[in-house]
Amino acid sequence: MEKRKLGSSGLEIAPLVFGCNVFGWTVDEPTAFILLDEFVSAGFTMIDTADVYGRRTPQEAGGTSEEIIGKWLKKTKLRTSVILATKVGMEVEPGKKGLSKRHILQSAEDSLRRLQTDCIDLYQSHSDDPETPMEETLEAYALLIKQGKIRAIGASNFNAERLSQALDLSARGGFPRYQSLQPWYNLYNRAEFEKNLEPVCNANSLGVITYFSLAAGFLTGKYRSEMDLSKSPRGKMVREYMNERGFRILRALDMVAHDYSTDPASVALAWLLSRPGITAPIASATSKDQMKTLMKATRIELDRPSREFLTEASAYE
């Protein structure tokens, strides 16, 4: 299995990350165990979660996804076979959110307990917190690294200006630096990353692990009409893609998938894997068949005409 370096974190990951946001939502514990077994037995390494995943209503607490992963790790004793990534910052339960030192330190302990491990490989700021000084956030991460409770840090949902500020502060102040970015990026959602964030990532040699890599399932081709939106709890998230540009992208995916005797989802992920600077896409699965589709993408090498065809079909203004 090919391994790719995640920035300068020292972490090396297989070119597909399993997104565990579905655990405790559309995937129950027994199914999650089956999917994790399938993923790791195929040689893939990185699983991504967050303290908030599994929180289905504002009144509930999060943590369900982490708890499921922790139970799986305890059962299988495969901790050394996986790169474990989680996040902090979004509201995990009423009133508990942000990137203050106090919240990060307590949240890290909570995540470690739920995950049943003594160290998180990649601990990520799930969203920016303008109300907390960056120094305070980075001090918290420095302490956790010193204590051996986390190995590296990453950022998600930061804009280019704030990400640059954080990286500059780390360089000037001797703080740990964000080694990776987790941006919203796929064949449809390209503009924000390519115009603003990609230059920052390239200039600072950051690893990039993309989320919503299949546009909430739209790029699988599962949703072709308004009637299809009822097929999944994610259907309502797909409506924004159902326009002329979205359907043009699907037609292009269908054509390339036909040429490679595969499916649109695999091609959409293969396009991401072919992009310079992308370490690995994050993608979720709710069944073994879906998991096999995701993993198949890592074995597809799109030729230049196919890559350019998809890039042109998904062009944005």
C-alpha atoms as a PDB file:
ATOM      1  CA  MET A   1       0.000   0.000   0.000  1.00  0.00           C
ATOM      2  CA  GLU A   2       1.323   3.417  -1.002  1.00  0.00           C
ATOM      3  CA  LYS A   3       1.962   5.765   1.922  1.00  0.00           C
ATOM      4  CA  ARG A   4       1.965   9.548   1.694  1.00  0.00           C
ATOM      5  CA  LYS A   5       3.583  11.958   4.137  1.00  0.00           C
ATOM      6  CA  LEU A   6       1.152  14.211   5.984  1.00  0.00           C
ATOM      7  CA  GLY A   7       3.009  17.514   5.819  1.00  0.00           C
ATOM      8  CA  SER A   8       6.068  17.392   8.079  1.00  0.00           C
ATOM      9  CA  SER A   9       4.154  15.759  10.928  1.00  0.00           C
ATOM     10  CA  GLY A  10       6.079  12.506  10.685  1.00  0.00           C
ATOM     11  CA  LEU A  11       2.814  10.705   9.969  1.00  0.00           C
ATOM     12  CA  GLU A  12       2.531   8.613   6.818  1.00  0.00           C
ATOM     13  CA  ILE A  13      -0.920   7.555   5.673  1.00  0.00           C
ATOM     14  CA  ALA A  14      -2.483   5.415   2.987  1.00  0.00           C
ATOM     15  CA  PRO A  15      -4.155   7.501   0.240  1.00  0.00           C
ATOM     16  CA  LEU A  16      -7.704   7.210   1.581  1.00  0.00           C
ATOM     17  CA  VAL A  17      -9.062   8.286   4.966  1.00  0.00           C
ATOM     18  CA  PHE A  18     -12.178   6.693   6.428  1.00  0.00           C
ATOM     19  CA  GLY A  19     -14.573   9.407   7.621  1.00  0.00           C
ATOM     20  CA  CYS A  20     -16.336   8.169  10.762  1.00  0.00           C
ATOM     21  CA  ASN A  21     -18.855  11.007  10.971  1.00  0.00           C
ATOM     22  CA  VAL A  22     -21.549   8.461  10.079  1.00  0.00           C
ATOM     23  CA  PHE A  23     -20.943   6.375  13.219  1.00  0.00           C
ATOM     24  CA  GLY A  24     -23.837   6.808  15.617  1.00  0.00           C
ATOM     25  CA  TRP A  25     -25.859   8.510  12.882  1.00  0.00           C
ATOM     26  CA  THR A  26     -26.472   6.331   9.828  1.00  0.00           C
ATOM     27  CA  VAL A  27     -24.143   3.523  10.930  1.00  0.00           C
ATOM     28  CA  ASP A  28     -24.704   1.512  14.102  1.00  0.00           C
ATOM     29  CA  GLU A  29     -21.954  -0.066  16.188  1.00  0.00           C
ATOM     30  CA  PRO A  30     -21.972  -3.591  14.671  1.00  0.00           C
ATOM     31  CA  THR A  31     -21.851  -2.184  11.135  1.00  0.00           C
ATOM     32  CA  ALA A  32     -19.081   0.246  12.119  1.00  0.00           C
ATOM     33  CA  PHE A  33     -16.984  -2.669  13.379  1.00  0.00           C
ATOM     34  CA  ILE A  34     -17.434  -4.487  10.060  1.00  0.00           C
ATOM     35  CA  LEU A  35     -16.458  -1.396   8.066  1.00  0.00           C
ATOM     36  CA  LEU A  36     -13.398  -0.676  10.192  1.00  0.00           C
ATOM     37  CA  ASP A  37     -12.280  -4.303   9.869  1.00  0.00           C
ATOM     38  CA  GLU A  38     -12.678  -4.106   6.089  1.00  0.00           C
ATOM     39  CA  PHE A  39     -10.779  -0.829   5.832  1.00  0.00           C
ATOM     40  CA  VAL A  40      -7.789  -1.815   7.957  1.00  0.00           C
ATOM     41  CA  SER A  41      -7.514  -5.365   6.604  1.00  0.00           C
ATOM     42  CA  ALA A  42      -7.129  -3.854   3.119  1.00  0.00           C
ATOM     43  CA  GLY A  43      -4.046  -1.940   4.287  1.00  0.00           C
ATOM     44  CA  PHE A  44      -5.550   1.492   4.866  1.00  0.00           C
ATOM     45  CA  THR A  45      -4.502   3.319   7.993  1.00  0.00           C
ATOM     46  CA  MET A  46      -6.131   6.637   8.844  1.00  0.00           C
ATOM     47  CA  ILE A  47      -9.555   7.024  10.440  1.00  0.00           C
ATOM     48  CA  ASP A  48     -10.978  10.480  11.041  1.00  0.00           C
ATOM     49  CA  THR A  49     -13.575  11.426  13.618  1.00  0.00           C
ATOM     50  CA  ALA A  50     -14.472  14.318  15.942  1.00  0.00           C
ATOM     51  CA  ASP A  51     -15.783  14.781  19.451  1.00  0.00           C
ATOM     52  CA  VAL A  52     -19.028  16.186  18.010  1.00  0.00           C
ATOM     53  CA  TYR A  53     -19.785  13.272  15.660  1.00  0.00           C
ATOM     54  CA  GLY A  54     -22.836  11.320  16.690  1.00  0.00           C
ATOM     55  CA  ARG A  55     -24.609  14.385  18.047  1.00  0.00           C
ATOM     56  CA  ARG A  56     -27.915  14.226  16.220  1.00  0.00           C
ATOM     57  CA  THR A  57     -29.761  17.076  17.960  1.00  0.00           C
ATOM     58  CA  PRO A  58     -28.667  20.289  19.741  1.00  0.00           C
ATOM     59  CA  GLN A  59     -29.861  18.776  23.012  1.00  0.00           C
ATOM     60  CA  GLU A  60     -27.660  15.674  22.738  1.00  0.00           C
ATOM     61  CA  ALA A  61     -23.995  15.328  23.593  1.00  0.00           C
ATOM     62  CA  GLY A  62     -21.508  14.185  20.966  1.00  0.00           C
ATOM     63  CA  GLY A  63     -18.871  11.527  21.350  1.00  0.00           C
ATOM     64  CA  THR A  64     -20.730   8.529  19.944  1.00  0.00           C
ATOM     65  CA  SER A  65     -18.398   8.096  16.970  1.00  0.00           C
ATOM     66  CA  GLU A  66     -15.325   8.209  19.205  1.00  0.00           C
ATOM     67  CA  GLU A  67     -16.912   5.729  21.618  1.00  0.00           C
ATOM     68  CA  ILE A  68     -17.595   3.246  18.824  1.00  0.00           C
ATOM     69  CA  ILE A  69     -14.025   3.521  17.556  1.00  0.00           C
ATOM     70  CA  GLY A  70     -12.706   3.081  21.093  1.00  0.00           C
ATOM     71  CA  LYS A  71     -14.704  -0.112  21.572  1.00  0.00           C
ATOM     72  CA  TRP A  72     -13.437  -1.409  18.217  1.00  0.00           C
ATOM     73  CA  LEU A  73      -9.824  -0.620  19.164  1.00  0.00           C
ATOM     74  CA  LYS A  74     -10.230  -2.416  22.481  1.00  0.00           C
ATOM     75  CA  LYS A  75     -11.793  -5.450  20.828  1.00  0.00           C
ATOM     76  CA  THR A  76      -9.346  -5.781  17.941  1.00  0.00           C
ATOM     77  CA  LYS A  77      -6.174  -4.501  19.616  1.00  0.00           C
ATOM     78  CA  LEU A  78      -5.288  -2.783  16.339  1.00  0.00           C
ATOM     79  CA  ARG A  79      -4.279   0.597  17.767  1.00  0.00           C
ATOM     80  CA  THR A  80      -0.775   0.365  16.283  1.00  0.00           C
ATOM     81  CA  SER A  81      -2.246  -0.354  12.842  1.00  0.00           C
ATOM     82  CA  VAL A  82      -4.187   2.894  12.549  1.00  0.00           C
ATOM     83  CA  ILE A  83      -3.479   6.599  12.400  1.00  0.00           C
ATOM     84  CA  LEU A  84      -6.121   8.099  14.670  1.00  0.00           C
ATOM     85  CA  ALA A  85      -7.392  11.618  13.915  1.00  0.00           C
ATOM     86  CA  THR A  86     -10.050  13.517  15.810  1.00  0.00           C
ATOM     87  CA  LYS A  87     -11.120  17.126  16.266  1.00  0.00           C
ATOM     88  CA  VAL A  88     -12.086  19.696  18.864  1.00  0.00           C
ATOM     89  CA  GLY A  89     -13.845  23.041  18.701  1.00  0.00           C
ATOM     90  CA  MET A  90     -17.420  22.569  17.553  1.00  0.00           C
ATOM     91  CA  GLU A  91     -20.200  22.393  20.122  1.00  0.00           C
ATOM     92  CA  VAL A  92     -20.011  18.885  21.532  1.00  0.00           C
ATOM     93  CA  GLU A  93     -22.871  19.588  23.943  1.00  0.00           C
ATOM     94  CA  PRO A  94     -24.727  22.748  24.980  1.00  0.00           C
ATOM     95  CA  GLY A  95     -22.196  25.410  25.966  1.00  0.00           C
ATOM     96  CA  LYS A  96     -19.076  23.330  25.307  1.00  0.00           C
ATOM     97  CA  LYS A  97     -17.184  24.561  22.251  1.00  0.00           C
ATOM     98  CA  GLY A  98     -14.280  26.694  21.044  1.00  0.00           C
ATOM     99  CA  LEU A  99     -10.493  26.586  21.158  1.00  0.00           C
ATOM    100  CA  SER A 100      -9.765  27.955  24.619  1.00  0.00           C
ATOM    101  CA  LYS A 101      -6.959  26.246  26.512  1.00  0.00           C
ATOM    102  CA  ARG A 102      -9.375  24.997  29.139  1.00  0.00           C
ATOM    103  CA  HIS A 103     -11.765  23.512  26.610  1.00  0.00           C
ATOM    104  CA  ILE A 104      -9.025  21.885  24.519  1.00  0.00           C
ATOM    105  CA  LEU A 105      -7.344  20.250  27.509  1.00  0.00           C
ATOM    106  CA  GLN A 106     -10.619  18.888  28.868  1.00  0.00           C
ATOM    107  CA  SER A 107     -11.824  17.803  25.414  1.00  0.00           C
ATOM    108  CA  ALA A 108      -8.574  15.960  24.748  1.00  0.00           C
ATOM    109  CA  GLU A 109      -9.010  13.986  27.966  1.00  0.00           C
ATOM    110  CA  ASP A 110     -12.617  13.203  27.019  1.00  0.00           C
ATOM    111  CA  SER A 111     -11.608  12.061  23.525  1.00  0.00           C
ATOM    112  CA  LEU A 112      -8.778   9.905  24.859  1.00  0.00           C
ATOM    113  CA  ARG A 113     -11.186   8.247  27.262  1.00  0.00           C
ATOM    114  CA  ARG A 114     -13.822   7.606  24.589  1.00  0.00           C
ATOM    115  CA  LEU A 115     -11.228   6.353  22.101  1.00  0.00           C
ATOM    116  CA  GLN A 116      -9.643   4.151  24.776  1.00  0.00           C
ATOM    117  CA  THR A 117      -6.131   5.218  23.828  1.00  0.00           C
ATOM    118  CA  ASP A 118      -3.337   7.205  25.444  1.00  0.00           C
ATOM    119  CA  CYS A 119      -2.395   9.228  22.358  1.00  0.00           C
ATOM    120  CA  ILE A 120      -4.169  10.893  19.428  1.00  0.00           C
ATOM    121  CA  ASP A 121      -2.044  10.938  16.270  1.00  0.00           C
ATOM    122  CA  LEU A 122      -3.617  14.029  14.689  1.00  0.00           C
ATOM    123  CA  TYR A 123      -5.622  16.453  16.833  1.00  0.00           C
ATOM    124  CA  GLN A 124      -7.392  19.061  14.722  1.00  0.00           C
ATOM    125  CA  SER A 125      -9.048  22.408  15.342  1.00  0.00           C
ATOM    126  CA  HIS A 126     -12.464  21.607  13.904  1.00  0.00           C
ATOM    127  CA  SER A 127     -13.304  25.253  13.215  1.00  0.00           C
ATOM    128  CA  ASP A 128     -11.725  28.616  13.811  1.00  0.00           C
ATOM    129  CA  ASP A 129     -12.427  30.431  17.085  1.00  0.00           C
ATOM    130  CA  PRO A 130     -11.851  34.174  16.625  1.00  0.00           C
ATOM    131  CA  GLU A 131     -12.842  34.814  20.256  1.00  0.00           C
ATOM    132  CA  THR A 132      -9.819  32.918  21.617  1.00  0.00           C
ATOM    133  CA  PRO A 133      -6.280  34.248  21.090  1.00  0.00           C
ATOM    134  CA  MET A 134      -4.312  31.935  18.817  1.00  0.00           C
ATOM    135  CA  GLU A 135      -1.485  31.902  21.355  1.00  0.00           C
ATOM    136  CA  GLU A 136      -3.801  30.345  23.916  1.00  0.00           C
ATOM    137  CA  THR A 137      -4.918  27.636  21.500  1.00  0.00           C
ATOM    138  CA  LEU A 138      -1.374  26.774  20.445  1.00  0.00           C
ATOM    139  CA  GLU A 139      -0.188  26.760  24.066  1.00  0.00           C
ATOM    140  CA  ALA A 140      -2.787  24.117  24.830  1.00  0.00           C
ATOM    141  CA  TYR A 141      -1.591  21.980  21.934  1.00  0.00           C
ATOM    142  CA  ALA A 142       2.042  22.452  23.012  1.00  0.00           C
ATOM    143  CA  LEU A 143       1.201  21.128  26.453  1.00  0.00           C
ATOM    144  CA  LEU A 144      -0.626  18.104  25.062  1.00  0.00           C
ATOM    145  CA  ILE A 145       2.315  17.296  22.771  1.00  0.00           C
ATOM    146  CA  LYS A 146       4.735  17.639  25.702  1.00  0.00           C
ATOM    147  CA  GLN A 147       2.558  15.276  27.740  1.00  0.00           C
ATOM    148  CA  GLY A 148       2.587  12.744  24.897  1.00  0.00           C
ATOM    149  CA  LYS A 149      -1.179  12.874  24.491  1.00  0.00           C
ATOM    150  CA  ILE A 150      -1.115  14.075  20.866  1.00  0.00           C
ATOM    151  CA  ARG A 151       1.499  13.719  18.139  1.00  0.00           C
ATOM    152  CA  ALA A 152       0.607  16.468  15.666  1.00  0.00           C
ATOM    153  CA  ILE A 153      -2.026  19.132  15.069  1.00  0.00           C
ATOM    154  CA  GLY A 154      -4.125  20.090  12.081  1.00  0.00           C
ATOM    155  CA  ALA A 155      -6.742  22.674  11.141  1.00  0.00           C
ATOM    156  CA  SER A 156     -10.153  22.432   9.512  1.00  0.00           C
ATOM    157  CA  ASN A 157     -12.575  25.089   8.292  1.00  0.00           C
ATOM    158  CA  PHE A 158     -10.022  27.911   8.567  1.00  0.00           C
ATOM    159  CA  ASN A 159      -9.930  30.605   5.928  1.00  0.00           C
ATOM    160  CA  ALA A 160      -6.618  31.380   4.240  1.00  0.00           C
ATOM    161  CA  GLU A 161      -5.939  34.532   6.258  1.00  0.00           C
ATOM    162  CA  ARG A 162      -6.458  32.903   9.639  1.00  0.00           C
ATOM    163  CA  LEU A 163      -4.500  29.791   8.650  1.00  0.00           C
ATOM    164  CA  SER A 164      -1.585  31.975   7.540  1.00  0.00           C
ATOM    165  CA  GLN A 165      -1.732  33.922  10.796  1.00  0.00           C
ATOM    166  CA  ALA A 166      -1.598  30.721  12.825  1.00  0.00           C
ATOM    167  CA  LEU A 167       1.369  29.402  10.848  1.00  0.00           C
ATOM    168  CA  ASP A 168       3.227  32.703  11.204  1.00  0.00           C
ATOM    169  CA  LEU A 169       2.572  32.745  14.942  1.00  0.00           C
ATOM    170  CA  SER A 170       3.935  29.227  15.312  1.00  0.00           C
ATOM    171  CA  ALA A 171       7.097  30.201  13.455  1.00  0.00           C
ATOM    172  CA  ARG A 172       7.620  33.378  15.476  1.00  0.00           C
ATOM    173  CA  GLY A 173       6.579  32.086  18.869  1.00  0.00           C
ATOM    174  CA  GLY A 174       8.004  28.607  18.823  1.00  0.00           C
ATOM    175  CA  PHE A 175       4.572  26.988  19.078  1.00  0.00           C
ATOM    176  CA  PRO A 176       3.572  23.727  17.395  1.00  0.00           C
ATOM    177  CA  ARG A 177       2.360  24.380  13.864  1.00  0.00           C
ATOM    178  CA  TYR A 178      -0.615  23.046  12.005  1.00  0.00           C
ATOM    179  CA  GLN A 179       0.760  20.246   9.849  1.00  0.00           C
ATOM    180  CA  SER A 180      -2.376  19.631   7.846  1.00  0.00           C
ATOM    181  CA  LEU A 181      -5.570  21.205   6.613  1.00  0.00           C
ATOM    182  CA  GLN A 182      -8.925  19.489   6.290  1.00  0.00           C
ATOM    183  CA  PRO A 183     -10.822  21.585   3.719  1.00  0.00           C
ATOM    184  CA  TRP A 184     -14.179  21.166   1.998  1.00  0.00           C
ATOM    185  CA  TYR A 185     -12.995  20.171  -1.471  1.00  0.00           C
ATOM    186  CA  ASN A 186     -14.346  18.031  -4.279  1.00  0.00           C
ATOM    187  CA  LEU A 187     -15.071  18.241  -8.007  1.00  0.00           C
ATOM    188  CA  TYR A 188     -17.961  20.619  -7.345  1.00  0.00           C
ATOM    189  CA  ASN A 189     -16.639  22.657  -4.403  1.00  0.00           C
ATOM    190  CA  ARG A 190     -13.335  23.841  -5.847  1.00  0.00           C
ATOM    191  CA  ALA A 191     -13.125  27.614  -5.788  1.00  0.00           C
ATOM    192  CA  GLU A 192     -12.409  28.403  -2.120  1.00  0.00           C
ATOM    193  CA  PHE A 193      -9.653  25.845  -1.786  1.00  0.00           C
ATOM    194  CA  GLU A 194      -7.974  26.386  -5.147  1.00  0.00           C
ATOM    195  CA  LYS A 195      -8.076  30.186  -5.083  1.00  0.00           C
ATOM    196  CA  ASN A 196      -7.254  30.862  -1.445  1.00  0.00           C
ATOM    197  CA  LEU A 197      -6.245  27.865   0.655  1.00  0.00           C
ATOM    198  CA  GLU A 198      -4.176  25.820  -1.779  1.00  0.00           C
ATOM    199  CA  PRO A 199      -1.460  28.489  -2.127  1.00  0.00           C
ATOM    200  CA  VAL A 200      -1.082  28.640   1.667  1.00  0.00           C
ATOM    201  CA  CYS A 201      -0.886  24.860   1.934  1.00  0.00           C
ATOM    202  CA  ASN A 202       1.683  24.615  -0.847  1.00  0.00           C
ATOM    203  CA  ALA A 203       3.825  27.435   0.513  1.00  0.00           C
ATOM    204  CA  ASN A 204       3.921  25.829   3.947  1.00  0.00           C
ATOM    205  CA  SER A 205       4.109  22.165   2.861  1.00  0.00           C
ATOM    206  CA  LEU A 206       0.898  21.248   4.667  1.00  0.00           C
ATOM    207  CA  GLY A 207      -0.774  17.896   4.228  1.00  0.00           C
ATOM    208  CA  VAL A 208      -4.304  18.128   2.846  1.00  0.00           C
ATOM    209  CA  ILE A 209      -7.069  15.656   3.689  1.00  0.00           C
ATOM    210  CA  THR A 210     -10.308  16.702   2.020  1.00  0.00           C
ATOM    211  CA  TYR A 211     -13.748  16.339   3.544  1.00  0.00           C
ATOM    212  CA  PHE A 212     -17.077  16.058   1.690  1.00  0.00           C
ATOM    213  CA  SER A 213     -14.883  14.521  -0.998  1.00  0.00           C
ATOM    214  CA  LEU A 214     -17.990  13.134  -2.719  1.00  0.00           C
ATOM    215  CA  ALA A 215     -20.132  16.241  -2.118  1.00  0.00           C
ATOM    216  CA  ALA A 216     -22.335  14.532   0.485  1.00  0.00           C
ATOM    217  CA  GLY A 217     -22.856  11.654  -1.917  1.00  0.00           C
ATOM    218  CA  PHE A 218     -23.863  13.692  -4.970  1.00  0.00           C
ATOM    219  CA  LEU A 219     -20.749  12.664  -6.916  1.00  0.00           C
ATOM    220  CA  THR A 220     -21.640   8.990  -6.522  1.00  0.00           C
ATOM    221  CA  GLY A 221     -24.443   9.568  -9.023  1.00  0.00           C
ATOM    222  CA  LYS A 222     -27.007   8.404  -6.489  1.00  0.00           C
ATOM    223  CA  TYR A 223     -28.977  11.645  -6.713  1.00  0.00           C
ATOM    224  CA  ARG A 224     -30.216  12.467 -10.206  1.00  0.00           C
ATOM    225  CA  SER A 225     -33.594  14.079  -9.432  1.00  0.00           C
ATOM    226  CA  GLU A 226     -35.581  15.661  -6.612  1.00  0.00           C
ATOM    227  CA  MET A 227     -37.197  12.287  -5.976  1.00  0.00           C
ATOM    228  CA  ASP A 228     -33.791  10.797  -5.187  1.00  0.00           C
ATOM    229  CA  LEU A 229     -33.266  13.142  -2.239  1.00  0.00           C
ATOM    230  CA  SER A 230     -35.334  10.861  -0.012  1.00  0.00           C
ATOM    231  CA  LYS A 231     -32.887   7.981  -0.493  1.00  0.00           C
ATOM    232  CA  SER A 232     -30.680   9.010   2.408  1.00  0.00           C
ATOM    233  CA  PRO A 233     -30.604  11.253   5.499  1.00  0.00           C
ATOM    234  CA  ARG A 234     -27.960  13.222   3.578  1.00  0.00           C
ATOM    235  CA  GLY A 235     -30.362  13.918   0.731  1.00  0.00           C
ATOM    236  CA  LYS A 236     -31.261  17.390   1.936  1.00  0.00           C
ATOM    237  CA  MET A 237     -27.556  18.320   1.837  1.00  0.00           C
ATOM    238  CA  VAL A 238     -27.390  17.467  -1.862  1.00  0.00           C
ATOM    239  CA  ARG A 239     -30.048  19.844  -3.185  1.00  0.00           C
ATOM    240  CA  GLU A 240     -27.534  22.668  -3.706  1.00  0.00           C
ATOM    241  CA  TYR A 241     -25.657  20.540  -6.249  1.00  0.00           C
ATOM    242  CA  MET A 242     -28.688  19.815  -8.405  1.00  0.00           C
ATOM    243  CA  ASN A 243     -28.147  22.451 -11.063  1.00  0.00           C
ATOM    244  CA  GLU A 244     -26.721  22.718 -14.570  1.00  0.00           C
ATOM    245  CA  ARG A 245     -23.100  22.612 -13.404  1.00  0.00           C
ATOM    246  CA  GLY A 246     -23.739  19.722 -11.035  1.00  0.00           C
ATOM    247  CA  PHE A 247     -25.375  17.581 -13.707  1.00  0.00           C
ATOM    248  CA  ARG A 248     -22.591  18.472 -16.160  1.00  0.00           C
ATOM    249  CA  ILE A 249     -20.092  17.084 -13.643  1.00  0.00           C
ATOM    250  CA  LEU A 250     -22.135  13.898 -13.252  1.00  0.00           C
ATOM    251  CA  ARG A 251     -22.224  13.380 -17.013  1.00  0.00           C
ATOM    252  CA  ALA A 252     -18.446  13.740 -17.149  1.00  0.00           C
ATOM    253  CA  LEU A 253     -18.010  11.289 -14.291  1.00  0.00           C
ATOM    254  CA  ASP A 254     -20.291   8.806 -16.043  1.00  0.00           C
ATOM    255  CA  MET A 255     -18.212   9.008 -19.204  1.00  0.00           C
ATOM    256  CA  VAL A 256     -14.863   8.551 -17.461  1.00  0.00           C
ATOM    257  CA  ALA A 257     -16.273   5.785 -15.271  1.00  0.00           C
ATOM    258  CA  HIS A 258     -17.389   3.966 -18.430  1.00  0.00           C
ATOM    259  CA  ASP A 259     -13.901   4.290 -19.915  1.00  0.00           C
ATOM    260  CA  TYR A 260     -12.326   2.794 -16.777  1.00  0.00           C
ATOM    261  CA  SER A 261     -15.058   0.187 -16.185  1.00  0.00           C
ATOM    262  CA  THR A 262     -15.750   1.597 -12.763  1.00  0.00           C
ATOM    263  CA  ASP A 263     -18.234   3.920 -11.046  1.00  0.00           C
ATOM    264  CA  PRO A 264     -18.543   7.717 -10.642  1.00  0.00           C
ATOM    265  CA  ALA A 265     -17.583   7.715  -6.946  1.00  0.00           C
ATOM    266  CA  SER A 266     -14.273   5.972  -7.612  1.00  0.00           C
ATOM    267  CA  VAL A 267     -13.481   8.404 -10.423  1.00  0.00           C
ATOM    268  CA  ALA A 268     -14.341  11.450  -8.296  1.00  0.00           C
ATOM    269  CA  LEU A 269     -11.945  10.261  -5.584  1.00  0.00           C
ATOM    270  CA  ALA A 270      -9.286   9.330  -8.141  1.00  0.00           C
ATOM    271  CA  TRP A 271      -9.456  12.892  -9.507  1.00  0.00           C
ATOM    272  CA  LEU A 272      -8.770  14.228  -6.007  1.00  0.00           C
ATOM    273  CA  LEU A 273      -5.867  11.813  -5.574  1.00  0.00           C
ATOM    274  CA  SER A 274      -4.370  13.070  -8.826  1.00  0.00           C
ATOM    275  CA  ARG A 275      -4.388  16.699  -7.678  1.00  0.00           C
ATOM    276  CA  PRO A 276      -0.978  18.067  -6.628  1.00  0.00           C
ATOM    277  CA  GLY A 277      -0.845  18.743  -2.918  1.00  0.00           C
ATOM    278  CA  ILE A 278      -3.743  16.487  -1.929  1.00  0.00           C
ATOM    279  CA  THR A 279      -2.562  13.865   0.547  1.00  0.00           C
ATOM    280  CA  ALA A 280      -5.776  11.854   0.733  1.00  0.00           C
ATOM    281  CA  PRO A 281      -9.518  12.333   0.453  1.00  0.00           C
ATOM    282  CA  ILE A 282     -11.753  11.535   3.398  1.00  0.00           C
ATOM    283  CA  ALA A 283     -14.827   9.524   2.491  1.00  0.00           C
ATOM    284  CA  SER A 284     -17.548   7.741   4.449  1.00  0.00           C
ATOM    285  CA  ALA A 285     -19.264   4.421   3.853  1.00  0.00           C
ATOM    286  CA  THR A 286     -22.341   2.800   5.350  1.00  0.00           C
ATOM    287  CA  SER A 287     -21.933  -0.660   3.807  1.00  0.00           C
ATOM    288  CA  LYS A 288     -19.192  -3.048   2.676  1.00  0.00           C
ATOM    289  CA  ASP A 289     -20.124  -2.437  -0.956  1.00  0.00           C
ATOM    290  CA  GLN A 290     -19.680   1.306  -0.511  1.00  0.00           C
ATOM    291  CA  MET A 291     -16.366   0.717   1.251  1.00  0.00           C
ATOM    292  CA  LYS A 292     -15.104  -1.394  -1.654  1.00  0.00           C
ATOM    293  CA  THR A 293     -16.051   1.398  -4.046  1.00  0.00           C
ATOM    294  CA  LEU A 294     -14.051   3.925  -2.030  1.00  0.00           C
ATOM    295  CA  MET A 295     -11.003   1.704  -1.779  1.00  0.00           C
ATOM    296  CA  LYS A 296     -11.101   0.983  -5.513  1.00  0.00           C
ATOM    297  CA  ALA A 297     -10.373   4.652  -6.194  1.00  0.00           C
ATOM    298  CA  THR A 298      -6.812   4.268  -4.915  1.00  0.00           C
ATOM    299  CA  ARG A 299      -6.093   1.745  -7.684  1.00  0.00           C
ATOM    300  CA  ILE A 300      -7.271   4.022 -10.501  1.00  0.00           C
ATOM    301  CA  GLU A 301      -4.677   6.157 -12.258  1.00  0.00           C
ATOM    302  CA  LEU A 302      -6.492   8.626 -14.446  1.00  0.00           C
ATOM    303  CA  ASP A 303      -4.651   9.549 -17.621  1.00  0.00           C
ATOM    304  CA  ARG A 304      -4.060  13.176 -18.470  1.00  0.00           C
ATOM    305  CA  PRO A 305      -6.985  13.546 -20.915  1.00  0.00           C
ATOM    306  CA  SER A 306      -9.394  12.140 -18.322  1.00  0.00           C
ATOM    307  CA  ARG A 307      -8.089  14.442 -15.600  1.00  0.00           C
ATOM    308  CA  GLU A 308      -8.345  17.466 -17.854  1.00  0.00           C
ATOM    309  CA  PHE A 309     -11.822  16.469 -19.032  1.00  0.00           C
ATOM    310  CA  LEU A 310     -13.088  16.319 -15.435  1.00  0.00           C
ATOM    311  CA  THR A 311     -11.336  19.551 -14.504  1.00  0.00           C
ATOM    312  CA  GLU A 312     -12.897  21.370 -17.474  1.00  0.00           C
ATOM    313  CA  ALA A 313     -16.350  19.883 -16.859  1.00  0.00           C
ATOM    314  CA  SER A 314     -16.261  21.144 -13.265  1.00  0.00           C
ATOM    315  CA  ALA A 315     -14.886  24.584 -14.146  1.00  0.00           C
ATOM    316  CA  TYR A 316     -16.115  27.449 -11.957  1.00  0.00           C
ATOM    317  CA  GLU A 317     -16.170  31.210 -12.395  1.00  0.00           C
END
